[in-house]
Amino acid sequence: MKKMNKSLLFVCLGNICRSPLVEAVARKHLAAAGFDIDVASCGTGGWHAGEQADPRMRAAAAKAGYDLEPHRARQLSAGDFKRYDLLLAMDSNNLRDMQSTAAGEAHDRLALFLDWSGAAPPRDFPDPYYEPLAAFTQSVALAERGVLGLIQRLREGGTTTRMA
């Protein structure tokens, strides 16, 4: 395994749909690719803190081979900006919230997940929460595409200040 001692934090709004999904997909595919990278997720809002991932997302993820059962939502904290080497937002609103909260030195480690991974548009990872069930399955496919792009970028030496 490639020992990198790096860490990634995936951030969405409530930490019950997109970011826990991307965390699970990243954990599985990074390990399979031989990367030893700590991954976690959280939300910019705290109203779901302690809850499991949305049942629709758990079902869509399980169907694709990802286990979200152990996940418990948590809110982004000030310490996350120091702990994680790269903080990847699921959409532009999440990124703006992170930028308004982070100290200046952390700003160079904040990015949109799909931009940083090199995945084709969309730039924002759509939130499936208020959408039909098919949106959750589409989220799994987008998460996989984004994580595979992230792995490719890491293999090619993709860098931010601390993910070099």
C-alpha atoms as a PDB file:
ATOM      1  CA  MET A   1       0.000   0.000   0.000  1.00  0.00           C
ATOM      2  CA  LYS A   2       1.219   3.514  -0.797  1.00  0.00           C
ATOM      3  CA  LYS A   3       1.762   5.178   2.573  1.00  0.00           C
ATOM      4  CA  MET A   4       0.707   8.771   2.120  1.00  0.00           C
ATOM      5  CA  ASN A   5      -0.535   9.832   5.572  1.00  0.00           C
ATOM      6  CA  LYS A   6      -2.953  12.204   3.912  1.00  0.00           C
ATOM      7  CA  SER A   7      -6.500  12.998   4.814  1.00  0.00           C
ATOM      8  CA  LEU A   8      -9.620  13.976   2.905  1.00  0.00           C
ATOM      9  CA  LEU A   9     -12.864  15.419   4.230  1.00  0.00           C
ATOM     10  CA  PHE A  10     -15.980  15.372   2.050  1.00  0.00           C
ATOM     11  CA  VAL A  11     -18.536  18.042   2.955  1.00  0.00           C
ATOM     12  CA  CYS A  12     -22.200  18.475   2.025  1.00  0.00           C
ATOM     13  CA  LEU A  13     -25.119  20.233   3.690  1.00  0.00           C
ATOM     14  CA  GLY A  14     -26.482  17.769   6.256  1.00  0.00           C
ATOM     15  CA  ASN A  15     -24.040  14.824   5.987  1.00  0.00           C
ATOM     16  CA  ILE A  16     -26.799  12.307   5.288  1.00  0.00           C
ATOM     17  CA  CYS A  17     -26.704  11.916   1.478  1.00  0.00           C
ATOM     18  CA  ARG A  18     -23.814  13.014  -0.715  1.00  0.00           C
ATOM     19  CA  SER A  19     -20.791  13.303   1.569  1.00  0.00           C
ATOM     20  CA  PRO A  20     -21.269   9.985   3.411  1.00  0.00           C
ATOM     21  CA  LEU A  21     -21.755   8.299   0.039  1.00  0.00           C
ATOM     22  CA  VAL A  22     -18.566   9.827  -1.385  1.00  0.00           C
ATOM     23  CA  GLU A  23     -16.719   8.922   1.829  1.00  0.00           C
ATOM     24  CA  ALA A  24     -17.731   5.252   1.472  1.00  0.00           C
ATOM     25  CA  VAL A  25     -16.921   5.158  -2.243  1.00  0.00           C
ATOM     26  CA  ALA A  26     -13.550   6.847  -1.640  1.00  0.00           C
ATOM     27  CA  ARG A  27     -12.655   4.554   1.260  1.00  0.00           C
ATOM     28  CA  LYS A  28     -13.311   1.451  -0.844  1.00  0.00           C
ATOM     29  CA  HIS A  29     -11.640   2.612  -4.069  1.00  0.00           C
ATOM     30  CA  LEU A  30      -8.636   4.309  -2.445  1.00  0.00           C
ATOM     31  CA  ALA A  31      -7.860   1.106  -0.532  1.00  0.00           C
ATOM     32  CA  ALA A  32      -8.271  -0.993  -3.692  1.00  0.00           C
ATOM     33  CA  ALA A  33      -5.889   1.381  -5.504  1.00  0.00           C
ATOM     34  CA  GLY A  34      -3.303   0.982  -2.754  1.00  0.00           C
ATOM     35  CA  PHE A  35      -3.634   4.420  -1.155  1.00  0.00           C
ATOM     36  CA  ASP A  36      -3.567   4.788   2.622  1.00  0.00           C
ATOM     37  CA  ILE A  37      -5.576   7.976   3.013  1.00  0.00           C
ATOM     38  CA  ASP A  38      -7.834   8.853   5.932  1.00  0.00           C
ATOM     39  CA  VAL A  39     -11.295   9.830   4.672  1.00  0.00           C
ATOM     40  CA  ALA A  40     -14.268  11.263   6.516  1.00  0.00           C
ATOM     41  CA  SER A  41     -17.351  13.354   5.869  1.00  0.00           C
ATOM     42  CA  CYS A  42     -19.436  16.007   7.557  1.00  0.00           C
ATOM     43  CA  GLY A  43     -22.062  18.634   6.855  1.00  0.00           C
ATOM     44  CA  THR A  44     -22.009  22.396   7.042  1.00  0.00           C
ATOM     45  CA  GLY A  45     -25.274  22.214   9.005  1.00  0.00           C
ATOM     46  CA  GLY A  46     -25.759  20.333  12.247  1.00  0.00           C
ATOM     47  CA  TRP A  47     -29.464  19.523  12.289  1.00  0.00           C
ATOM     48  CA  HIS A  48     -28.839  15.845  11.360  1.00  0.00           C
ATOM     49  CA  ALA A  49     -25.934  15.322  13.792  1.00  0.00           C
ATOM     50  CA  GLY A  50     -25.921  11.773  15.126  1.00  0.00           C
ATOM     51  CA  GLU A  51     -28.349  10.456  12.501  1.00  0.00           C
ATOM     52  CA  GLN A  52     -27.668   7.697  10.005  1.00  0.00           C
ATOM     53  CA  ALA A  53     -27.423   8.443   6.312  1.00  0.00           C
ATOM     54  CA  ASP A  54     -30.756   8.893   4.543  1.00  0.00           C
ATOM     55  CA  PRO A  55     -32.421   5.476   4.099  1.00  0.00           C
ATOM     56  CA  ARG A  56     -32.758   6.019   0.340  1.00  0.00           C
ATOM     57  CA  MET A  57     -29.028   6.712   0.066  1.00  0.00           C
ATOM     58  CA  ARG A  58     -28.192   3.709   2.253  1.00  0.00           C
ATOM     59  CA  ALA A  59     -30.274   1.498  -0.063  1.00  0.00           C
ATOM     60  CA  ALA A  60     -28.767   2.887  -3.282  1.00  0.00           C
ATOM     61  CA  ALA A  61     -25.249   2.592  -1.854  1.00  0.00           C
ATOM     62  CA  ALA A  62     -25.818  -0.967  -0.608  1.00  0.00           C
ATOM     63  CA  LYS A  63     -27.111  -2.021  -4.015  1.00  0.00           C
ATOM     64  CA  ALA A  64     -23.794  -0.815  -5.480  1.00  0.00           C
ATOM     65  CA  GLY A  65     -21.695  -2.499  -2.765  1.00  0.00           C
ATOM     66  CA  TYR A  66     -21.083   0.391  -0.335  1.00  0.00           C
ATOM     67  CA  ASP A  67     -21.974   0.177   3.350  1.00  0.00           C
ATOM     68  CA  LEU A  68     -23.365   3.370   4.884  1.00  0.00           C
ATOM     69  CA  GLU A  69     -24.914   1.646   7.914  1.00  0.00           C
ATOM     70  CA  PRO A  70     -22.197   2.675  10.411  1.00  0.00           C
ATOM     71  CA  HIS A  71     -22.289   6.339   9.325  1.00  0.00           C
ATOM     72  CA  ARG A  72     -23.455   8.994  11.784  1.00  0.00           C
ATOM     73  CA  ALA A  73     -23.805  12.587  10.616  1.00  0.00           C
ATOM     74  CA  ARG A  74     -21.703  15.323  12.140  1.00  0.00           C
ATOM     75  CA  GLN A  75     -21.220  19.027  11.577  1.00  0.00           C
ATOM     76  CA  LEU A  76     -18.070  20.655  10.217  1.00  0.00           C
ATOM     77  CA  SER A  77     -15.913  21.999  13.048  1.00  0.00           C
ATOM     78  CA  ALA A  78     -13.064  24.505  13.283  1.00  0.00           C
ATOM     79  CA  GLY A  79     -10.657  21.636  13.985  1.00  0.00           C
ATOM     80  CA  ASP A  80     -11.467  20.031  10.634  1.00  0.00           C
ATOM     81  CA  PHE A  81      -9.673  22.848   8.824  1.00  0.00           C
ATOM     82  CA  LYS A  82      -6.460  21.941  10.654  1.00  0.00           C
ATOM     83  CA  ARG A  83      -6.863  18.157  10.647  1.00  0.00           C
ATOM     84  CA  TYR A  84      -7.629  17.491   6.965  1.00  0.00           C
ATOM     85  CA  ASP A  85      -5.238  18.041   4.088  1.00  0.00           C
ATOM     86  CA  LEU A  86      -8.010  18.571   1.566  1.00  0.00           C
ATOM     87  CA  LEU A  87     -11.639  19.492   2.215  1.00  0.00           C
ATOM     88  CA  LEU A  88     -13.888  18.805  -0.765  1.00  0.00           C
ATOM     89  CA  ALA A  89     -17.335  20.385  -0.939  1.00  0.00           C
ATOM     90  CA  MET A  90     -20.159  18.719  -2.805  1.00  0.00           C
ATOM     91  CA  ASP A  91     -21.502  22.008  -4.188  1.00  0.00           C
ATOM     92  CA  SER A  92     -20.764  25.723  -4.487  1.00  0.00           C
ATOM     93  CA  ASN A  93     -23.006  26.644  -1.549  1.00  0.00           C
ATOM     94  CA  ASN A  94     -21.148  24.206   0.719  1.00  0.00           C
ATOM     95  CA  LEU A  95     -17.836  25.611  -0.532  1.00  0.00           C
ATOM     96  CA  ARG A  96     -18.927  29.193   0.218  1.00  0.00           C
ATOM     97  CA  ASP A  97     -20.013  28.147   3.717  1.00  0.00           C
ATOM     98  CA  MET A  98     -16.647  26.479   4.279  1.00  0.00           C
ATOM     99  CA  GLN A  99     -14.757  29.519   2.974  1.00  0.00           C
ATOM    100  CA  SER A 100     -16.661  31.826   5.315  1.00  0.00           C
ATOM    101  CA  THR A 101     -15.800  29.600   8.282  1.00  0.00           C
ATOM    102  CA  ALA A 102     -12.184  28.677   7.517  1.00  0.00           C
ATOM    103  CA  ALA A 103      -9.179  30.683   8.601  1.00  0.00           C
ATOM    104  CA  GLY A 104      -7.233  32.206   5.707  1.00  0.00           C
ATOM    105  CA  GLU A 105      -4.514  29.546   5.621  1.00  0.00           C
ATOM    106  CA  ALA A 106      -7.076  26.803   5.044  1.00  0.00           C
ATOM    107  CA  HIS A 107      -8.585  28.357   1.912  1.00  0.00           C
ATOM    108  CA  ASP A 108      -6.004  26.766  -0.392  1.00  0.00           C
ATOM    109  CA  ARG A 109      -7.186  23.325   0.787  1.00  0.00           C
ATOM    110  CA  LEU A 110     -10.868  23.888   0.002  1.00  0.00           C
ATOM    111  CA  ALA A 111     -12.284  22.850  -3.357  1.00  0.00           C
ATOM    112  CA  LEU A 112     -15.293  21.404  -5.107  1.00  0.00           C
ATOM    113  CA  PHE A 113     -15.118  17.608  -5.150  1.00  0.00           C
ATOM    114  CA  LEU A 114     -16.025  17.248  -8.819  1.00  0.00           C
ATOM    115  CA  ASP A 115     -13.659  20.059  -9.896  1.00  0.00           C
ATOM    116  CA  TRP A 116     -10.726  18.612  -7.952  1.00  0.00           C
ATOM    117  CA  SER A 117     -11.374  15.088  -9.175  1.00  0.00           C
ATOM    118  CA  GLY A 118     -11.391  16.190 -12.791  1.00  0.00           C
ATOM    119  CA  ALA A 119     -14.817  14.640 -13.377  1.00  0.00           C
ATOM    120  CA  ALA A 120     -16.806  16.000 -16.299  1.00  0.00           C
ATOM    121  CA  PRO A 121     -19.646  18.423 -15.536  1.00  0.00           C
ATOM    122  CA  PRO A 122     -21.622  19.022 -13.439  1.00  0.00           C
ATOM    123  CA  ARG A 123     -19.352  21.076 -11.175  1.00  0.00           C
ATOM    124  CA  ASP A 124     -21.852  20.791  -8.312  1.00  0.00           C
ATOM    125  CA  PHE A 125     -22.850  17.347  -7.057  1.00  0.00           C
ATOM    126  CA  PRO A 126     -26.683  17.533  -7.107  1.00  0.00           C
ATOM    127  CA  ASP A 127     -28.408  16.966  -3.782  1.00  0.00           C
ATOM    128  CA  PRO A 128     -30.857  14.060  -4.221  1.00  0.00           C
ATOM    129  CA  TYR A 129     -32.731  14.708  -0.958  1.00  0.00           C
ATOM    130  CA  TYR A 130     -35.875  16.218  -2.504  1.00  0.00           C
ATOM    131  CA  GLU A 131     -35.631  14.244  -5.734  1.00  0.00           C
ATOM    132  CA  PRO A 132     -37.146  10.905  -6.869  1.00  0.00           C
ATOM    133  CA  LEU A 133     -35.458   7.633  -5.943  1.00  0.00           C
ATOM    134  CA  ALA A 134     -33.602   7.508  -9.264  1.00  0.00           C
ATOM    135  CA  ALA A 135     -31.552  10.518  -8.125  1.00  0.00           C
ATOM    136  CA  PHE A 136     -29.973   8.401  -5.389  1.00  0.00           C
ATOM    137  CA  THR A 137     -28.814   5.797  -7.905  1.00  0.00           C
ATOM    138  CA  GLN A 138     -27.482   8.598 -10.099  1.00  0.00           C
ATOM    139  CA  SER A 139     -25.623   9.944  -7.066  1.00  0.00           C
ATOM    140  CA  VAL A 140     -23.811   6.627  -6.658  1.00  0.00           C
ATOM    141  CA  ALA A 141     -22.664   6.701 -10.288  1.00  0.00           C
ATOM    142  CA  LEU A 142     -21.487  10.321  -9.941  1.00  0.00           C
ATOM    143  CA  ALA A 143     -19.655   9.547  -6.692  1.00  0.00           C
ATOM    144  CA  GLU A 144     -17.859   6.638  -8.368  1.00  0.00           C
ATOM    145  CA  ARG A 145     -16.888   8.751 -11.357  1.00  0.00           C
ATOM    146  CA  GLY A 146     -15.620  11.532  -9.101  1.00  0.00           C
ATOM    147  CA  VAL A 147     -13.638   9.202  -6.842  1.00  0.00           C
ATOM    148  CA  LEU A 148     -12.029   7.444  -9.805  1.00  0.00           C
ATOM    149  CA  GLY A 149     -11.027  10.873 -11.120  1.00  0.00           C
ATOM    150  CA  LEU A 150      -9.634  11.755  -7.706  1.00  0.00           C
ATOM    151  CA  ILE A 151      -7.549   8.565  -7.676  1.00  0.00           C
ATOM    152  CA  GLN A 152      -6.242   9.304 -11.161  1.00  0.00           C
ATOM    153  CA  ARG A 153      -5.237  12.800 -10.081  1.00  0.00           C
ATOM    154  CA  LEU A 154      -3.450  11.408  -7.011  1.00  0.00           C
ATOM    155  CA  ARG A 155      -1.611   8.877  -9.190  1.00  0.00           C
ATOM    156  CA  GLU A 156      -0.499  11.693 -11.477  1.00  0.00           C
ATOM    157  CA  GLY A 157       0.793  13.659  -8.522  1.00  0.00           C
ATOM    158  CA  GLY A 158      -2.206  15.964  -8.264  1.00  0.00           C
ATOM    159  CA  THR A 159      -1.603  18.433  -5.517  1.00  0.00           C
ATOM    160  CA  THR A 160      -2.941  21.062  -3.268  1.00  0.00           C
ATOM    161  CA  THR A 161      -0.715  22.649  -0.680  1.00  0.00           C
ATOM    162  CA  ARG A 162      -0.604  19.574   1.559  1.00  0.00           C
ATOM    163  CA  MET A 163      -1.762  16.738  -0.745  1.00  0.00           C
ATOM    164  CA  ALA A 164       1.522  16.725  -2.684  1.00  0.00           C
END
